[in-house]
Amino acid sequence: MSVAILGGGPAGATFAGLLAQRGLKPVLFADEKAPDLLVGESLIPAIVPILQRLGVEERVAEMATLKPGVSFVHPKAEKDLDFTFDPVSGVLPTYAYNVPRPAFDGLLSDRAAELGVTKVRHRAKVVKAGDERLELTPDSLAAAPSFEGRQPDWLIYASGRNRLFSRTLNLPSKEGPRRDIAYFAHFEGCHHPKALGQVIITRLEHGWSWRIPLPDGRMSIGVVLDRSAAEALGATSEDRLVAAIQRDPYLSEAVASAKRVSSVKSYANYQLVSEQAFGPGWVQLGDAYGFVDPMLSPGLFMAMKSASILADIFIRYPDGPPLRALRGYQRKFDDWLEAWTELIELFYDGRIFSLQAAGEKIMQMHSNPVALLLQRHMNSHIACMAAGAWTTRAYSRHLLQFSSKHLIWGVDPPEEMAIA
């Protein structure tokens, strides 16, 4: 079975490396032209087992900042919502990493080569070769001599949201409700009021922001804004990031004595999921199939998780996976995307903040072991879902949906806590 992987980022490199570990030798097409900054610098604990499987966790740890958890800062909340990953003990590692993305991506690509993957420096292109079939173009096929002029049995698309396969085949997709855009840069000398490595997410007037502590004293600061609100802040990406930081007291305090040490990058946060993950001789991985939202950092995890799910299928069926196995792959992918969407929506529509406030009020009124146990139970499930441990677990999903509907009273309603 011959396999061509289009895209050398985390999804493609992970898939290639896992196949190579089991004796399959795919060809990885990657032009290796990456910007100096990439969104997705904050990992979640569920990625760590995949790093361990690839044999790279120690090397990732050397280039990264240890991430103990995430804090959510809401200007209308009485207290911050501070989560650690301790509740996932026994299920997942109780930590994650914040990584410089270009170096992280390069490490995964290098690991694939170490494991025997053939890398081709070429941006592969495809053409339609039937109703739902795809083939490499002649120049792309020629760029990989190991194929000896024969089309590979499988084409795996893992080149992010360029969506080459979907565009070529005119595949339908489903769009989410938000049309945000992000602006971010790296700073040095920032004030960080939380534990070392703790990521901070702050609700802004028209969106939200992230603060991700990175190695060497750097801080990734980004704002995610509605497009119309962003346009009102200035003409350029730099103008908009500077204005957004100046308008928010938390961000302006963080950079009061800081220095920006990178250019400002923009990133279109569109929510888009294709309706078809596979076809005859081809499969889509990661963002190429579906992207939910940068809130809670699920994107990089889903890229590597989908790669590991698909790799297990190809390893199980070395002569090529049957349709039933690929249908199972898409069902699992869709379930993950749906679960992340549900969880993230609790933050956007304000229910998670109102639920936390209601829990605090109950504790003030009824400070007893039962109330304390209930609050700890709720916080543990939120933390475990955000860590990637119980994100798709039916009980956890139902618990949050039920609690956010029936256990919010005597506090600001969710619509007043929502992220616009």
Protein backbone atom coordinates (compact mmCIF):
# COMPACT_ATOMS: atom_id res chain seq x y z
CA MET A 1 0.00 0.00 0.00
CA SER A 2 1.45 3.37 -1.01
CA VAL A 3 0.43 6.48 0.89
CA ALA A 4 1.02 10.15 0.05
CA ILE A 5 0.47 12.71 2.80
CA LEU A 6 -0.06 16.28 1.70
CA GLY A 7 1.04 18.65 4.46
CA GLY A 8 3.93 18.36 6.91
CA GLY A 9 2.33 20.09 9.91
CA PRO A 10 1.35 18.33 13.16
CA ALA A 11 -1.45 16.26 11.58
CA GLY A 12 0.56 15.04 8.62
CA ALA A 13 3.80 14.46 10.54
CA THR A 14 1.99 12.61 13.34
CA PHE A 15 0.16 10.34 10.91
CA ALA A 16 3.35 9.68 8.94
CA GLY A 17 5.41 8.98 12.05
CA LEU A 18 2.89 6.56 13.54
CA LEU A 19 2.69 4.60 10.29
CA ALA A 20 6.48 4.47 10.02
CA GLN A 21 6.73 3.08 13.54
CA ARG A 22 4.81 0.04 12.32
CA GLY A 23 6.81 -0.49 9.17
CA LEU A 24 4.66 1.43 6.70
CA LYS A 25 6.67 4.03 4.75
CA PRO A 26 4.50 6.90 3.54
CA VAL A 27 5.68 9.84 1.46
CA LEU A 28 5.23 13.20 3.17
CA PHE A 29 4.86 16.23 0.90
CA ALA A 30 5.78 19.48 2.69
CA ASP A 31 7.16 22.72 1.30
CA GLU A 32 8.43 23.58 4.82
CA LYS A 33 7.55 27.24 4.40
CA ALA A 34 6.16 28.25 7.77
CA PRO A 35 5.66 31.74 9.24
CA ASP A 36 7.62 32.73 12.32
CA LEU A 37 4.45 32.71 14.44
CA LEU A 38 1.57 30.24 14.35
CA VAL A 39 -1.66 30.03 16.32
CA GLY A 40 -1.91 26.94 18.52
CA GLU A 41 0.90 27.51 20.99
CA SER A 42 -1.00 26.13 23.99
CA LEU A 43 -1.43 22.35 24.18
CA ILE A 44 -3.85 20.35 26.30
CA PRO A 45 -3.04 17.24 28.39
CA ALA A 46 -4.69 14.88 25.88
CA ILE A 47 -1.87 15.62 23.44
CA VAL A 48 0.80 14.33 25.82
CA PRO A 49 0.05 10.59 25.26
CA ILE A 50 0.41 11.16 21.51
CA LEU A 51 3.79 12.83 22.09
CA GLN A 52 4.79 9.88 24.23
CA ARG A 53 3.69 7.45 21.53
CA LEU A 54 5.86 9.29 19.01
CA GLY A 55 8.75 9.28 21.48
CA VAL A 56 9.19 13.06 21.55
CA GLU A 57 7.79 14.27 24.88
CA GLU A 58 11.21 14.84 26.43
CA ARG A 59 12.29 16.94 23.47
CA VAL A 60 9.03 18.90 23.56
CA ALA A 61 9.53 19.54 27.29
CA GLU A 62 12.99 20.98 26.59
CA MET A 63 11.59 23.58 24.18
CA ALA A 64 8.36 24.33 26.07
CA THR A 65 6.91 25.94 29.17
CA LEU A 66 5.02 23.57 31.45
CA LYS A 67 1.30 24.42 31.50
CA PRO A 68 -0.49 23.56 34.77
CA GLY A 69 -3.93 24.87 33.76
CA VAL A 70 -6.08 27.71 32.45
CA SER A 71 -7.60 30.77 34.12
CA PHE A 72 -10.66 32.61 32.85
CA VAL A 73 -10.94 36.28 33.76
CA HIS A 74 -14.31 37.96 33.39
CA PRO A 75 -14.69 41.65 34.32
CA LYS A 76 -18.20 41.04 35.68
CA ALA A 77 -17.29 37.98 37.74
CA GLU A 78 -16.53 38.27 41.44
CA LYS A 79 -13.53 35.98 41.10
CA ASP A 80 -11.45 34.38 38.38
CA LEU A 81 -12.23 30.88 37.17
CA ASP A 82 -8.93 29.07 37.83
CA PHE A 83 -8.58 25.50 36.60
CA THR A 84 -5.65 23.15 36.99
CA PHE A 85 -5.35 19.78 35.30
CA ASP A 86 -5.08 17.92 38.62
CA PRO A 87 -8.57 16.34 38.23
CA VAL A 88 -7.38 14.29 35.23
CA SER A 89 -4.94 12.37 37.43
CA GLY A 90 -5.18 8.67 36.62
CA VAL A 91 -6.69 9.41 33.19
CA LEU A 92 -4.18 11.77 31.59
CA PRO A 93 -1.01 13.60 32.64
CA THR A 94 -1.89 16.50 34.95
CA TYR A 95 0.02 18.98 32.82
CA ALA A 96 0.45 20.16 29.25
CA TYR A 97 2.90 22.42 27.42
CA ASN A 98 3.02 25.86 25.84
CA VAL A 99 5.22 25.61 22.77
CA PRO A 100 6.78 27.86 20.13
CA ARG A 101 4.83 26.45 17.19
CA PRO A 102 7.41 26.61 14.38
CA ALA A 103 9.91 24.69 16.54
CA PHE A 104 7.23 22.24 17.67
CA ASP A 105 6.09 21.58 14.11
CA GLY A 106 9.70 21.16 13.01
CA LEU A 107 10.32 18.62 15.76
CA LEU A 108 7.35 16.49 14.66
CA SER A 109 8.49 16.65 11.05
CA ASP A 110 12.05 15.69 12.00
CA ARG A 111 10.73 12.78 14.07
CA ALA A 112 8.79 11.47 11.09
CA ALA A 113 12.01 11.48 9.05
CA GLU A 114 13.88 9.71 11.89
CA LEU A 115 11.27 6.97 11.79
CA GLY A 116 11.83 6.42 8.09
CA VAL A 117 9.26 8.66 6.40
CA THR A 118 10.28 9.90 2.94
CA LYS A 119 9.95 13.70 2.90
CA VAL A 120 9.50 15.58 -0.35
CA ARG A 121 9.94 19.36 -0.42
CA HIS A 122 7.06 20.16 -2.69
CA ARG A 123 3.57 21.62 -2.28
CA ALA A 124 1.59 18.77 -3.75
CA LYS A 125 -1.42 19.45 -5.95
CA VAL A 126 -4.29 17.24 -7.02
CA VAL A 127 -6.80 17.02 -9.84
CA LYS A 128 -10.22 15.47 -10.00
CA ALA A 129 -10.05 12.02 -11.58
CA GLY A 130 -13.69 10.93 -11.43
CA ASP A 131 -16.84 11.74 -9.46
CA GLU A 132 -15.10 11.54 -6.08
CA ARG A 133 -11.58 10.51 -7.01
CA LEU A 134 -8.38 12.51 -6.80
CA GLU A 135 -4.91 12.11 -8.28
CA LEU A 136 -1.61 13.89 -7.87
CA THR A 137 -0.82 16.25 -10.72
CA PRO A 138 2.01 15.08 -13.02
CA ASP A 139 4.54 17.49 -11.50
CA SER A 140 3.66 16.41 -7.94
CA LEU A 141 3.88 12.74 -8.88
CA ALA A 142 7.26 13.35 -10.49
CA ALA A 143 8.49 15.09 -7.32
CA ALA A 144 8.29 11.74 -5.48
CA PRO A 145 10.52 9.27 -7.36
CA SER A 146 9.66 6.44 -4.96
CA PHE A 147 6.19 6.22 -6.55
CA GLU A 148 7.91 5.32 -9.85
CA GLY A 149 5.32 7.23 -11.83
CA ARG A 150 2.36 5.34 -10.33
CA GLN A 151 -0.39 7.13 -8.46
CA PRO A 152 -0.34 6.30 -4.72
CA ASP A 153 -3.09 4.09 -3.35
CA TRP A 154 -4.07 6.71 -0.77
CA LEU A 155 -3.93 10.49 -0.60
CA ILE A 156 -4.11 11.95 2.91
CA TYR A 157 -4.75 15.68 3.12
CA ALA A 158 -3.32 17.34 6.21
CA SER A 159 -2.49 20.86 5.09
CA GLY A 160 -4.72 22.82 7.42
CA ARG A 161 -7.56 25.00 6.32
CA ASN A 162 -6.41 25.46 2.75
CA ARG A 163 -9.08 22.78 2.11
CA LEU A 164 -7.62 21.64 -1.21
CA PHE A 165 -9.59 18.38 -1.40
CA SER A 166 -12.88 20.03 -0.45
CA ARG A 167 -12.40 22.77 -3.04
CA THR A 168 -11.32 20.40 -5.78
CA LEU A 169 -14.29 18.07 -5.24
CA ASN A 170 -16.70 20.89 -4.33
CA LEU A 171 -17.62 19.18 -1.07
CA PRO A 172 -20.35 20.79 1.06
CA SER A 173 -19.50 22.10 4.52
CA LYS A 174 -21.22 23.46 7.61
CA GLU A 175 -20.31 26.88 8.98
CA GLY A 176 -20.45 27.98 12.61
CA PRO A 177 -22.09 31.21 13.78
CA ARG A 178 -18.96 33.24 14.55
CA ARG A 179 -16.94 35.32 12.09
CA ASP A 180 -14.05 36.37 14.31
CA ILE A 181 -10.52 37.36 13.50
CA ALA A 182 -7.47 37.11 15.76
CA TYR A 183 -4.42 39.37 16.08
CA PHE A 184 -1.43 38.27 18.13
CA ALA A 185 2.24 38.85 18.78
CA HIS A 186 5.02 37.92 21.19
CA PHE A 187 6.12 40.20 24.05
CA GLU A 188 8.91 40.15 26.61
CA GLY A 189 8.77 41.51 30.16
CA CYS A 190 5.03 40.99 30.68
CA HIS A 191 3.37 40.99 34.08
CA HIS A 192 1.79 37.58 34.70
CA PRO A 193 -0.45 37.38 37.80
CA LYS A 194 -1.02 33.63 37.70
CA ALA A 195 1.12 30.54 38.26
CA LEU A 196 4.10 30.06 35.97
CA GLY A 197 2.85 28.63 32.67
CA GLN A 198 -0.84 29.16 33.46
CA VAL A 199 -2.73 30.34 30.37
CA ILE A 200 -5.09 33.30 30.91
CA ILE A 201 -8.23 33.88 28.86
CA THR A 202 -9.96 37.23 29.38
CA ARG A 203 -13.36 38.39 28.23
CA LEU A 204 -13.11 41.64 26.23
CA GLU A 205 -15.78 44.15 25.30
CA HIS A 206 -16.12 42.61 21.82
CA GLY A 207 -14.42 39.23 22.08
CA TRP A 208 -11.73 37.63 24.20
CA SER A 209 -7.97 37.47 24.61
CA TRP A 210 -5.29 34.94 25.42
CA ARG A 211 -2.03 35.18 27.31
CA ILE A 212 0.24 32.17 26.82
CA PRO A 213 3.57 32.07 28.71
CA LEU A 214 6.32 30.73 26.45
CA PRO A 215 10.00 29.86 27.02
CA ASP A 216 12.71 32.52 27.31
CA GLY A 217 10.40 34.98 29.03
CA ARG A 218 8.13 35.44 26.03
CA MET A 219 4.38 35.86 26.20
CA SER A 220 2.01 35.24 23.31
CA ILE A 221 -0.79 37.79 23.55
CA GLY A 222 -3.73 37.62 21.19
CA VAL A 223 -7.18 39.09 20.83
CA VAL A 224 -10.12 37.42 19.09
CA LEU A 225 -12.66 39.97 17.89
CA ASP A 226 -15.77 40.26 15.83
CA ARG A 227 -14.68 41.55 12.41
CA SER A 228 -16.70 44.77 12.60
CA ALA A 229 -15.32 45.53 16.07
CA ALA A 230 -11.79 44.83 14.83
CA GLU A 231 -12.16 47.16 11.85
CA ALA A 232 -13.19 49.98 14.17
CA LEU A 233 -9.86 49.71 16.01
CA GLY A 234 -7.61 50.73 13.13
CA ALA A 235 -6.48 50.08 9.60
CA THR A 236 -3.70 47.53 10.20
CA SER A 237 -3.25 44.40 12.25
CA GLU A 238 -0.75 46.21 14.47
CA ASP A 239 -3.15 49.12 15.04
CA ARG A 240 -5.91 46.74 16.03
CA LEU A 241 -3.85 44.69 18.47
CA VAL A 242 -2.39 47.80 20.13
CA ALA A 243 -5.83 49.41 20.46
CA ALA A 244 -7.42 46.25 21.85
CA ILE A 245 -4.66 45.93 24.46
CA GLN A 246 -4.94 49.60 25.46
CA ARG A 247 -8.71 49.34 25.91
CA ASP A 248 -8.57 46.37 28.25
CA PRO A 249 -7.27 47.01 31.79
CA TYR A 250 -5.98 43.45 32.23
CA LEU A 251 -4.01 43.43 28.99
CA SER A 252 -2.72 46.98 29.38
CA GLU A 253 -1.44 46.10 32.85
CA ALA A 254 0.23 42.97 31.48
CA VAL A 255 2.24 44.89 28.85
CA ALA A 256 2.83 48.09 30.85
CA SER A 257 6.57 47.37 31.07
CA ALA A 258 6.77 44.91 28.19
CA LYS A 259 8.36 45.05 24.76
CA ARG A 260 6.88 43.54 21.61
CA VAL A 261 9.50 41.29 20.01
CA SER A 262 7.65 39.99 16.95
CA SER A 263 5.51 41.23 14.13
CA VAL A 264 1.73 41.15 14.55
CA LYS A 265 -0.01 38.23 12.85
CA SER A 266 -3.66 37.92 11.92
CA TYR A 267 -5.63 34.71 11.83
CA ALA A 268 -9.13 34.20 10.47
CA ASN A 269 -11.15 32.24 13.02
CA TYR A 270 -13.86 30.75 10.88
CA GLN A 271 -15.81 27.74 12.14
CA LEU A 272 -16.11 25.26 9.30
CA VAL A 273 -16.65 21.50 9.13
CA SER A 274 -16.74 19.52 5.90
CA GLU A 275 -19.54 17.00 5.45
CA GLN A 276 -17.18 14.37 4.02
CA ALA A 277 -13.95 13.20 5.64
CA PHE A 278 -13.07 10.51 3.11
CA GLY A 279 -13.70 9.18 -0.35
CA PRO A 280 -12.28 6.57 -2.70
CA GLY A 281 -8.56 6.62 -2.04
CA TRP A 282 -8.45 9.80 0.04
CA VAL A 283 -8.94 11.03 3.63
CA GLN A 284 -8.84 14.44 5.32
CA LEU A 285 -7.11 15.08 8.67
CA GLY A 286 -7.36 17.84 11.26
CA ASP A 287 -8.35 21.35 10.18
CA ALA A 288 -8.63 20.14 6.59
CA TYR A 289 -11.83 18.36 7.64
CA GLY A 290 -13.08 20.51 10.49
CA PHE A 291 -12.12 23.40 12.75
CA VAL A 292 -14.21 24.49 15.72
CA ASP A 293 -12.67 27.52 17.42
CA PRO A 294 -9.40 28.58 19.12
CA MET A 295 -11.16 28.89 22.49
CA LEU A 296 -9.79 26.15 24.82
CA SER A 297 -7.10 25.22 22.24
CA PRO A 298 -8.73 22.16 20.62
CA GLY A 299 -7.32 22.70 17.12
CA LEU A 300 -3.85 21.22 17.50
CA PHE A 301 -5.19 18.39 19.62
CA MET A 302 -7.79 17.50 17.00
CA ALA A 303 -5.13 17.57 14.29
CA MET A 304 -2.98 15.05 16.16
CA LYS A 305 -5.90 13.05 17.56
CA SER A 306 -7.45 12.54 14.12
CA ALA A 307 -4.00 11.51 12.86
CA SER A 308 -3.65 8.89 15.59
CA ILE A 309 -7.18 7.53 15.00
CA LEU A 310 -6.56 7.21 11.27
CA ALA A 311 -3.08 5.74 11.77
CA ASP A 312 -4.52 2.97 13.92
CA ILE A 313 -6.96 2.13 11.11
CA PHE A 314 -4.23 2.01 8.45
CA ILE A 315 -2.03 -0.09 10.73
CA ARG A 316 -4.90 -2.52 11.29
CA TYR A 317 -5.57 -2.78 7.55
CA PRO A 318 -2.13 -2.67 5.85
CA ASP A 319 -3.69 -3.45 2.46
CA GLY A 320 -6.00 -0.44 2.74
CA PRO A 321 -8.87 0.39 5.10
CA PRO A 322 -12.41 -0.72 4.22
CA LEU A 323 -15.25 1.79 4.02
CA ARG A 324 -16.72 0.72 7.35
CA ALA A 325 -13.45 1.63 9.11
CA LEU A 326 -13.36 5.06 7.47
CA ARG A 327 -16.99 5.64 8.41
CA GLY A 328 -15.96 4.91 12.00
CA TYR A 329 -13.13 7.43 11.66
CA GLN A 330 -15.54 10.14 10.52
CA ARG A 331 -18.04 9.31 13.29
CA LYS A 332 -15.31 9.66 15.93
CA PHE A 333 -14.06 12.90 14.39
CA ASP A 334 -17.59 14.33 14.24
CA ASP A 335 -18.25 13.34 17.86
CA TRP A 336 -15.10 15.14 19.00
CA LEU A 337 -15.96 18.26 17.01
CA GLU A 338 -19.53 18.28 18.34
CA ALA A 339 -18.36 17.84 21.93
CA TRP A 340 -15.82 20.66 21.66
CA THR A 341 -18.48 22.89 20.09
CA GLU A 342 -20.85 22.24 23.00
CA LEU A 343 -18.18 22.97 25.60
CA ILE A 344 -16.89 26.12 23.91
CA GLU A 345 -20.40 27.46 23.46
CA LEU A 346 -20.83 27.37 27.27
CA PHE A 347 -18.03 29.94 27.48
CA TYR A 348 -19.20 32.09 24.60
CA ASP A 349 -22.84 32.35 25.72
CA GLY A 350 -21.88 33.04 29.33
CA ARG A 351 -23.42 29.96 30.93
CA ILE A 352 -20.13 28.71 32.37
CA PHE A 353 -19.52 32.03 34.16
CA SER A 354 -23.07 32.26 35.50
CA LEU A 355 -22.86 28.65 36.64
CA GLN A 356 -19.63 29.37 38.50
CA ALA A 357 -21.19 32.44 40.15
CA ALA A 358 -24.23 30.41 41.18
CA GLY A 359 -21.96 27.78 42.69
CA GLU A 360 -20.10 30.42 44.69
CA LYS A 361 -23.40 31.84 45.94
CA ILE A 362 -24.61 28.43 47.03
CA MET A 363 -21.36 27.95 48.93
CA GLN A 364 -21.84 31.27 50.72
CA MET A 365 -25.42 30.42 51.66
CA HIS A 366 -24.93 26.73 52.41
CA SER A 367 -21.35 26.08 53.37
CA ASN A 368 -21.67 22.36 53.96
CA PRO A 369 -19.96 19.21 52.72
CA VAL A 370 -22.72 18.47 50.18
CA ALA A 371 -22.46 21.92 48.54
CA LEU A 372 -18.66 21.70 48.53
CA LEU A 373 -18.78 18.22 46.98
CA LEU A 374 -21.18 19.42 44.28
CA GLN A 375 -18.98 22.36 43.35
CA ARG A 376 -15.84 20.21 43.23
CA HIS A 377 -17.67 17.65 41.11
CA MET A 378 -18.72 20.32 38.63
CA ASN A 379 -15.29 21.95 38.45
CA SER A 380 -13.62 18.56 37.99
CA HIS A 381 -15.79 17.74 35.00
CA ILE A 382 -15.18 21.12 33.40
CA ALA A 383 -11.43 20.74 33.89
CA CYS A 384 -11.42 17.17 32.58
CA MET A 385 -13.42 18.14 29.50
CA ALA A 386 -11.15 21.10 28.74
CA ALA A 387 -8.14 18.80 29.17
CA GLY A 388 -9.44 16.41 26.52
CA ALA A 389 -10.03 13.60 29.03
CA TRP A 390 -13.83 13.56 29.23
CA THR A 391 -14.72 15.91 26.38
CA THR A 392 -16.80 13.30 24.58
CA ARG A 393 -18.02 11.53 27.72
CA ALA A 394 -21.84 11.44 27.72
CA TYR A 395 -22.24 11.92 31.48
CA SER A 396 -19.97 14.98 31.58
CA ARG A 397 -21.72 16.57 28.60
CA HIS A 398 -25.17 15.96 30.07
CA LEU A 399 -24.06 17.21 33.50
CA LEU A 400 -22.92 20.56 32.10
CA GLN A 401 -25.97 20.98 29.89
CA PHE A 402 -28.36 20.14 32.75
CA SER A 403 -26.54 22.30 35.31
CA SER A 404 -26.26 25.31 33.01
CA LYS A 405 -30.00 25.10 32.37
CA HIS A 406 -31.37 24.37 35.84
CA LEU A 407 -28.77 25.41 38.46
CA ILE A 408 -28.30 29.09 37.57
CA TRP A 409 -30.25 31.44 39.82
CA GLY A 410 -29.69 34.60 41.86
CA VAL A 411 -26.77 35.77 39.68
CA ASP A 412 -26.24 37.72 36.48
CA PRO A 413 -27.98 35.84 33.65
CA PRO A 414 -25.74 34.16 31.05
CA GLU A 415 -26.57 36.72 28.34
CA GLU A 416 -24.96 39.43 30.48
CA MET A 417 -21.82 37.32 30.89
CA ALA A 418 -21.62 36.26 27.25
CA ILE A 419 -18.62 36.92 25.01
CA ALA A 420 -19.86 39.16 22.20
